[in-house]
Amino acid sequence: MEATFRALSKHGYVDLRLRDIGDEFEMTRQLIHYYYDGKHDLISAFLEYVIEQYEGSVAVDESDDLWAELDARIDQCLFGPEFASDFDHWDRMRVYHELFSQAQNDDQHREIFNRHYTKIRRSITRVIERGIEQGVFRDVDPENTAQFITDAIHAARGRRISLGHDEAPEQIRRALDEFVISSLAPPGEEPEFKSARSTARN
């Protein structure tokens, strides 16, 4: 999978050949052909690999502070976890978004992306629902709020990757704090983590 990262980063999806991945692979190229029925099959497995890295990277306990959990889930999507490899979060996101842009022409890849998108949105929805039930958050529409947050994250990542706006993730993080996250607090209250996060980032 890491060899696939390297090959995609060099050649892009459209021009990628199994031979290119084999050139990045430390073991025999025949091993790739043994396990995968061609480029499409390998890229599908690669997408699952990348998505699993993100879906399993936020370790939260449902008994933890809900503001902190919401904060961690948003930051995971915007800034990513730490990776013990040559490819950091944005290296992975560049490849991810290139494949995402091709999904309109590929039913199988579109299904994989849809599953991942749905999991991200649902994880944020569940945090908001629990917060409302416990009286931590004011009564809002959890699904619409989570949808807005998820779409804002995706747009900011796309702007950074496609347009080179390196500041986009930080900008959308501050905007989400100011206009969305802060609005979840009941009247007269303010999220405890907000000032600490702002101080740390500024």
C-alpha atoms as a PDB file:
ATOM      1  CA  MET A   1       0.000   0.000   0.000  1.00  0.00           C
ATOM      2  CA  GLU A   2       2.856   2.405   0.767  1.00  0.00           C
ATOM      3  CA  ALA A   3       4.393   1.521  -2.602  1.00  0.00           C
ATOM      4  CA  THR A   4       1.071   2.487  -4.168  1.00  0.00           C
ATOM      5  CA  PHE A   5       1.265   5.838  -2.367  1.00  0.00           C
ATOM      6  CA  ARG A   6       4.681   6.483  -3.823  1.00  0.00           C
ATOM      7  CA  ALA A   7       3.636   5.503  -7.336  1.00  0.00           C
ATOM      8  CA  LEU A   8       0.426   7.566  -7.237  1.00  0.00           C
ATOM      9  CA  SER A   9       2.341  10.575  -5.947  1.00  0.00           C
ATOM     10  CA  LYS A  10       4.774  10.354  -8.858  1.00  0.00           C
ATOM     11  CA  HIS A  11       2.461   9.375 -11.722  1.00  0.00           C
ATOM     12  CA  GLY A  12      -1.113  10.268 -10.736  1.00  0.00           C
ATOM     13  CA  TYR A  13      -4.067   7.934 -11.098  1.00  0.00           C
ATOM     14  CA  VAL A  14      -4.732   8.322 -14.829  1.00  0.00           C
ATOM     15  CA  ASP A  15      -1.178   7.454 -15.908  1.00  0.00           C
ATOM     16  CA  LEU A  16      -0.553   4.890 -13.177  1.00  0.00           C
ATOM     17  CA  ARG A  17       0.407   1.357 -14.224  1.00  0.00           C
ATOM     18  CA  LEU A  18       0.945  -1.713 -12.091  1.00  0.00           C
ATOM     19  CA  ARG A  19       4.510  -1.624 -13.364  1.00  0.00           C
ATOM     20  CA  ASP A  20       4.957   1.758 -11.651  1.00  0.00           C
ATOM     21  CA  ILE A  21       3.794   0.323  -8.340  1.00  0.00           C
ATOM     22  CA  GLY A  22       6.064  -2.674  -8.839  1.00  0.00           C
ATOM     23  CA  ASP A  23       9.014  -0.322  -9.294  1.00  0.00           C
ATOM     24  CA  GLU A  24       8.281   1.106  -5.823  1.00  0.00           C
ATOM     25  CA  PHE A  25       7.746  -2.311  -4.254  1.00  0.00           C
ATOM     26  CA  GLU A  26      10.611  -3.921  -2.330  1.00  0.00           C
ATOM     27  CA  MET A  27       9.428  -7.442  -3.088  1.00  0.00           C
ATOM     28  CA  THR A  28       8.804  -9.147  -6.402  1.00  0.00           C
ATOM     29  CA  ARG A  29       6.267  -7.531  -8.716  1.00  0.00           C
ATOM     30  CA  GLN A  30       4.610 -10.911  -9.272  1.00  0.00           C
ATOM     31  CA  LEU A  31       3.318 -10.734  -5.704  1.00  0.00           C
ATOM     32  CA  ILE A  32       1.098  -7.800  -6.709  1.00  0.00           C
ATOM     33  CA  HIS A  33      -0.393  -9.781  -9.586  1.00  0.00           C
ATOM     34  CA  TYR A  34      -0.945 -12.746  -7.273  1.00  0.00           C
ATOM     35  CA  TYR A  35      -3.137 -10.756  -4.873  1.00  0.00           C
ATOM     36  CA  TYR A  36      -4.789  -8.216  -7.177  1.00  0.00           C
ATOM     37  CA  ASP A  37      -6.610  -8.592 -10.483  1.00  0.00           C
ATOM     38  CA  GLY A  38      -5.200  -5.426 -11.994  1.00  0.00           C
ATOM     39  CA  LYS A  39      -4.918  -1.722 -11.299  1.00  0.00           C
ATOM     40  CA  HIS A  40      -8.579  -1.161 -10.403  1.00  0.00           C
ATOM     41  CA  ASP A  41      -8.629  -3.965  -7.841  1.00  0.00           C
ATOM     42  CA  LEU A  42      -5.431  -2.697  -6.220  1.00  0.00           C
ATOM     43  CA  ILE A  43      -6.644   0.910  -6.052  1.00  0.00           C
ATOM     44  CA  SER A  44      -9.884  -0.250  -4.400  1.00  0.00           C
ATOM     45  CA  ALA A  45      -7.841  -2.031  -1.726  1.00  0.00           C
ATOM     46  CA  PHE A  46      -5.637   1.034  -1.418  1.00  0.00           C
ATOM     47  CA  LEU A  47      -8.642   3.279  -0.768  1.00  0.00           C
ATOM     48  CA  GLU A  48      -9.840   0.945   1.977  1.00  0.00           C
ATOM     49  CA  TYR A  49      -6.342   1.076   3.459  1.00  0.00           C
ATOM     50  CA  VAL A  50      -6.212   4.881   3.530  1.00  0.00           C
ATOM     51  CA  ILE A  51      -9.720   5.191   4.944  1.00  0.00           C
ATOM     52  CA  GLU A  52      -9.026   2.651   7.686  1.00  0.00           C
ATOM     53  CA  GLN A  53      -6.030   4.717   8.796  1.00  0.00           C
ATOM     54  CA  TYR A  54      -8.305   7.691   9.392  1.00  0.00           C
ATOM     55  CA  GLU A  55     -11.324   5.898  10.787  1.00  0.00           C
ATOM     56  CA  GLY A  56      -9.177   4.164  13.390  1.00  0.00           C
ATOM     57  CA  SER A  57      -7.054   7.155  14.311  1.00  0.00           C
ATOM     58  CA  VAL A  58      -9.302   8.940  16.816  1.00  0.00           C
ATOM     59  CA  ALA A  59      -9.214   7.165  20.145  1.00  0.00           C
ATOM     60  CA  VAL A  60     -12.072   8.569  22.214  1.00  0.00           C
ATOM     61  CA  ASP A  61     -14.061   7.211  25.095  1.00  0.00           C
ATOM     62  CA  GLU A  62     -17.775   7.926  25.064  1.00  0.00           C
ATOM     63  CA  SER A  63     -17.458   8.969  28.691  1.00  0.00           C
ATOM     64  CA  ASP A  64     -14.924  11.670  27.750  1.00  0.00           C
ATOM     65  CA  ASP A  65     -15.785  15.349  27.516  1.00  0.00           C
ATOM     66  CA  LEU A  66     -18.062  15.801  24.504  1.00  0.00           C
ATOM     67  CA  TRP A  67     -16.568  19.168  23.548  1.00  0.00           C
ATOM     68  CA  ALA A  68     -13.142  17.531  23.442  1.00  0.00           C
ATOM     69  CA  GLU A  69     -14.446  14.597  21.402  1.00  0.00           C
ATOM     70  CA  LEU A  70     -16.087  16.879  18.844  1.00  0.00           C
ATOM     71  CA  ASP A  71     -12.893  18.907  18.691  1.00  0.00           C
ATOM     72  CA  ALA A  72     -10.782  15.772  18.118  1.00  0.00           C
ATOM     73  CA  ARG A  73     -13.022  14.450  15.343  1.00  0.00           C
ATOM     74  CA  ILE A  74     -12.955  17.745  13.448  1.00  0.00           C
ATOM     75  CA  ASP A  75      -9.187  18.099  13.835  1.00  0.00           C
ATOM     76  CA  GLN A  76      -8.690  14.498  12.696  1.00  0.00           C
ATOM     77  CA  CYS A  77     -10.405  15.277   9.386  1.00  0.00           C
ATOM     78  CA  LEU A  78      -8.757  18.668   8.866  1.00  0.00           C
ATOM     79  CA  PHE A  79      -5.221  18.065  10.113  1.00  0.00           C
ATOM     80  CA  GLY A  80      -4.961  14.288  10.221  1.00  0.00           C
ATOM     81  CA  PRO A  81      -3.197  11.887  12.579  1.00  0.00           C
ATOM     82  CA  GLU A  82       0.563  11.400  12.769  1.00  0.00           C
ATOM     83  CA  PHE A  83       1.929   8.817  10.324  1.00  0.00           C
ATOM     84  CA  ALA A  84       5.100   6.793  10.821  1.00  0.00           C
ATOM     85  CA  SER A  85       6.050   6.886   7.151  1.00  0.00           C
ATOM     86  CA  ASP A  86       7.386   9.201   4.462  1.00  0.00           C
ATOM     87  CA  PHE A  87       3.845  10.376   3.655  1.00  0.00           C
ATOM     88  CA  ASP A  88       2.125  12.810   5.992  1.00  0.00           C
ATOM     89  CA  HIS A  89      -1.542  13.773   6.184  1.00  0.00           C
ATOM     90  CA  TRP A  90      -1.432  16.159   3.211  1.00  0.00           C
ATOM     91  CA  ASP A  91       0.498  13.715   1.043  1.00  0.00           C
ATOM     92  CA  ARG A  92      -2.280  11.239   1.707  1.00  0.00           C
ATOM     93  CA  MET A  93      -5.010  13.813   1.142  1.00  0.00           C
ATOM     94  CA  ARG A  94      -3.581  14.813  -2.240  1.00  0.00           C
ATOM     95  CA  VAL A  95      -3.796  11.208  -3.409  1.00  0.00           C
ATOM     96  CA  TYR A  96      -7.196  10.741  -1.735  1.00  0.00           C
ATOM     97  CA  HIS A  97      -8.681  13.792  -3.452  1.00  0.00           C
ATOM     98  CA  GLU A  98      -7.289  12.828  -6.833  1.00  0.00           C
ATOM     99  CA  LEU A  99      -9.021   9.462  -6.548  1.00  0.00           C
ATOM    100  CA  PHE A 100     -12.131  11.209  -5.207  1.00  0.00           C
ATOM    101  CA  SER A 101     -12.269  13.362  -8.351  1.00  0.00           C
ATOM    102  CA  GLN A 102     -12.320  10.181 -10.464  1.00  0.00           C
ATOM    103  CA  ALA A 103     -15.088   8.508  -8.442  1.00  0.00           C
ATOM    104  CA  GLN A 104     -17.847   9.902 -10.668  1.00  0.00           C
ATOM    105  CA  ASN A 105     -16.672   7.457 -13.328  1.00  0.00           C
ATOM    106  CA  ASP A 106     -16.256   4.452 -11.059  1.00  0.00           C
ATOM    107  CA  ASP A 107     -19.185   2.888  -9.190  1.00  0.00           C
ATOM    108  CA  GLN A 108     -17.034   0.772  -6.880  1.00  0.00           C
ATOM    109  CA  HIS A 109     -14.800   3.638  -5.810  1.00  0.00           C
ATOM    110  CA  ARG A 110     -17.824   5.913  -5.415  1.00  0.00           C
ATOM    111  CA  GLU A 111     -19.332   3.371  -3.039  1.00  0.00           C
ATOM    112  CA  ILE A 112     -16.127   3.272  -0.966  1.00  0.00           C
ATOM    113  CA  PHE A 113     -15.997   7.067  -0.737  1.00  0.00           C
ATOM    114  CA  ASN A 114     -19.694   7.221   0.151  1.00  0.00           C
ATOM    115  CA  ARG A 115     -19.211   4.766   3.002  1.00  0.00           C
ATOM    116  CA  HIS A 116     -16.320   6.788   4.365  1.00  0.00           C
ATOM    117  CA  TYR A 117     -18.157  10.094   4.015  1.00  0.00           C
ATOM    118  CA  THR A 118     -21.183   8.636   5.784  1.00  0.00           C
ATOM    119  CA  LYS A 119     -19.038   7.337   8.665  1.00  0.00           C
ATOM    120  CA  ILE A 120     -17.431  10.747   9.178  1.00  0.00           C
ATOM    121  CA  ARG A 121     -20.791  12.508   9.194  1.00  0.00           C
ATOM    122  CA  ARG A 122     -22.375   9.919  11.496  1.00  0.00           C
ATOM    123  CA  SER A 123     -19.509  10.091  13.983  1.00  0.00           C
ATOM    124  CA  ILE A 124     -20.017  13.851  14.308  1.00  0.00           C
ATOM    125  CA  THR A 125     -23.801  13.444  14.399  1.00  0.00           C
ATOM    126  CA  ARG A 126     -23.567  10.954  17.287  1.00  0.00           C
ATOM    127  CA  VAL A 127     -21.401  13.306  19.358  1.00  0.00           C
ATOM    128  CA  ILE A 128     -23.905  16.125  18.893  1.00  0.00           C
ATOM    129  CA  GLU A 129     -26.853  13.841  19.680  1.00  0.00           C
ATOM    130  CA  ARG A 130     -25.230  12.674  22.919  1.00  0.00           C
ATOM    131  CA  GLY A 131     -24.431  16.271  23.822  1.00  0.00           C
ATOM    132  CA  ILE A 132     -28.064  17.287  23.364  1.00  0.00           C
ATOM    133  CA  GLU A 133     -29.307  14.306  25.386  1.00  0.00           C
ATOM    134  CA  GLN A 134     -26.925  15.158  28.244  1.00  0.00           C
ATOM    135  CA  GLY A 135     -27.719  18.875  28.163  1.00  0.00           C
ATOM    136  CA  VAL A 136     -24.156  19.764  27.133  1.00  0.00           C
ATOM    137  CA  PHE A 137     -25.263  21.139  23.755  1.00  0.00           C
ATOM    138  CA  ARG A 138     -28.335  23.160  23.014  1.00  0.00           C
ATOM    139  CA  ASP A 139     -31.104  21.582  20.948  1.00  0.00           C
ATOM    140  CA  VAL A 140     -30.097  21.743  17.277  1.00  0.00           C
ATOM    141  CA  ASP A 141     -30.618  19.483  14.280  1.00  0.00           C
ATOM    142  CA  PRO A 142     -27.695  17.042  14.726  1.00  0.00           C
ATOM    143  CA  GLU A 143     -27.741  15.730  11.167  1.00  0.00           C
ATOM    144  CA  ASN A 144     -27.816  19.143   9.486  1.00  0.00           C
ATOM    145  CA  THR A 145     -25.098  20.463  11.796  1.00  0.00           C
ATOM    146  CA  ALA A 146     -22.876  17.436  11.150  1.00  0.00           C
ATOM    147  CA  GLN A 147     -23.538  17.725   7.413  1.00  0.00           C
ATOM    148  CA  PHE A 148     -22.419  21.357   7.413  1.00  0.00           C
ATOM    149  CA  ILE A 149     -19.260  20.575   9.404  1.00  0.00           C
ATOM    150  CA  THR A 150     -18.366  17.637   7.150  1.00  0.00           C
ATOM    151  CA  ASP A 151     -18.878  19.623   3.942  1.00  0.00           C
ATOM    152  CA  ALA A 152     -16.868  22.569   5.301  1.00  0.00           C
ATOM    153  CA  ILE A 153     -13.969  20.252   6.143  1.00  0.00           C
ATOM    154  CA  HIS A 154     -14.051  18.672   2.692  1.00  0.00           C
ATOM    155  CA  ALA A 155     -14.149  22.084   0.962  1.00  0.00           C
ATOM    156  CA  ALA A 156     -11.209  23.383   3.000  1.00  0.00           C
ATOM    157  CA  ARG A 157      -9.104  20.323   2.201  1.00  0.00           C
ATOM    158  CA  GLY A 158      -9.944  20.658  -1.479  1.00  0.00           C
ATOM    159  CA  ARG A 159      -9.032  24.353  -1.502  1.00  0.00           C
ATOM    160  CA  ARG A 160      -5.663  23.664   0.090  1.00  0.00           C
ATOM    161  CA  ILE A 161      -4.867  20.782  -2.247  1.00  0.00           C
ATOM    162  CA  SER A 162      -6.272  22.091  -5.536  1.00  0.00           C
ATOM    163  CA  LEU A 163      -5.671  25.831  -5.179  1.00  0.00           C
ATOM    164  CA  GLY A 164      -2.618  25.843  -2.931  1.00  0.00           C
ATOM    165  CA  HIS A 165      -4.341  27.822  -0.174  1.00  0.00           C
ATOM    166  CA  ASP A 166      -2.278  26.468   2.728  1.00  0.00           C
ATOM    167  CA  GLU A 167      -4.208  28.561   5.225  1.00  0.00           C
ATOM    168  CA  ALA A 168      -7.612  27.034   4.309  1.00  0.00           C
ATOM    169  CA  PRO A 169      -7.767  24.340   7.066  1.00  0.00           C
ATOM    170  CA  GLU A 170      -6.901  26.830   9.830  1.00  0.00           C
ATOM    171  CA  GLN A 171      -9.376  29.349   8.423  1.00  0.00           C
ATOM    172  CA  ILE A 172     -12.245  26.875   8.327  1.00  0.00           C
ATOM    173  CA  ARG A 173     -11.332  25.600  11.802  1.00  0.00           C
ATOM    174  CA  ARG A 174     -11.619  29.120  13.219  1.00  0.00           C
ATOM    175  CA  ALA A 175     -14.842  29.733  11.286  1.00  0.00           C
ATOM    176  CA  LEU A 176     -16.362  26.490  12.571  1.00  0.00           C
ATOM    177  CA  ASP A 177     -15.441  27.502  16.120  1.00  0.00           C
ATOM    178  CA  GLU A 178     -16.936  30.960  15.759  1.00  0.00           C
ATOM    179  CA  PHE A 179     -20.105  30.220  13.831  1.00  0.00           C
ATOM    180  CA  VAL A 180     -20.960  26.550  14.481  1.00  0.00           C
ATOM    181  CA  ILE A 181     -19.244  25.057  17.519  1.00  0.00           C
ATOM    182  CA  SER A 182     -19.816  28.064  19.767  1.00  0.00           C
ATOM    183  CA  SER A 183     -23.513  28.042  18.801  1.00  0.00           C
ATOM    184  CA  LEU A 184     -23.864  24.563  20.318  1.00  0.00           C
ATOM    185  CA  ALA A 185     -23.300  25.937  23.819  1.00  0.00           C
ATOM    186  CA  PRO A 186     -26.449  26.548  25.863  1.00  0.00           C
ATOM    187  CA  PRO A 187     -27.266  30.238  26.493  1.00  0.00           C
ATOM    188  CA  GLY A 188     -24.782  31.871  28.816  1.00  0.00           C
ATOM    189  CA  GLU A 189     -22.180  29.130  28.414  1.00  0.00           C
ATOM    190  CA  GLU A 190     -19.102  28.766  26.225  1.00  0.00           C
ATOM    191  CA  PRO A 191     -17.132  25.681  25.119  1.00  0.00           C
ATOM    192  CA  GLU A 192     -14.335  25.129  27.640  1.00  0.00           C
ATOM    193  CA  PHE A 193     -11.808  24.017  25.044  1.00  0.00           C
ATOM    194  CA  LYS A 194     -12.272  26.913  22.636  1.00  0.00           C
ATOM    195  CA  SER A 195      -9.952  29.512  24.210  1.00  0.00           C
ATOM    196  CA  ALA A 196      -7.267  26.906  24.922  1.00  0.00           C
ATOM    197  CA  ARG A 197      -7.288  25.723  21.317  1.00  0.00           C
ATOM    198  CA  SER A 198      -7.186  29.238  19.913  1.00  0.00           C
ATOM    199  CA  THR A 199      -4.262  30.147  22.148  1.00  0.00           C
ATOM    200  CA  ALA A 200      -2.351  27.026  21.171  1.00  0.00           C
ATOM    201  CA  ARG A 201      -2.780  27.680  17.458  1.00  0.00           C
ATOM    202  CA  ASN A 202      -2.146  31.424  17.499  1.00  0.00           C
END
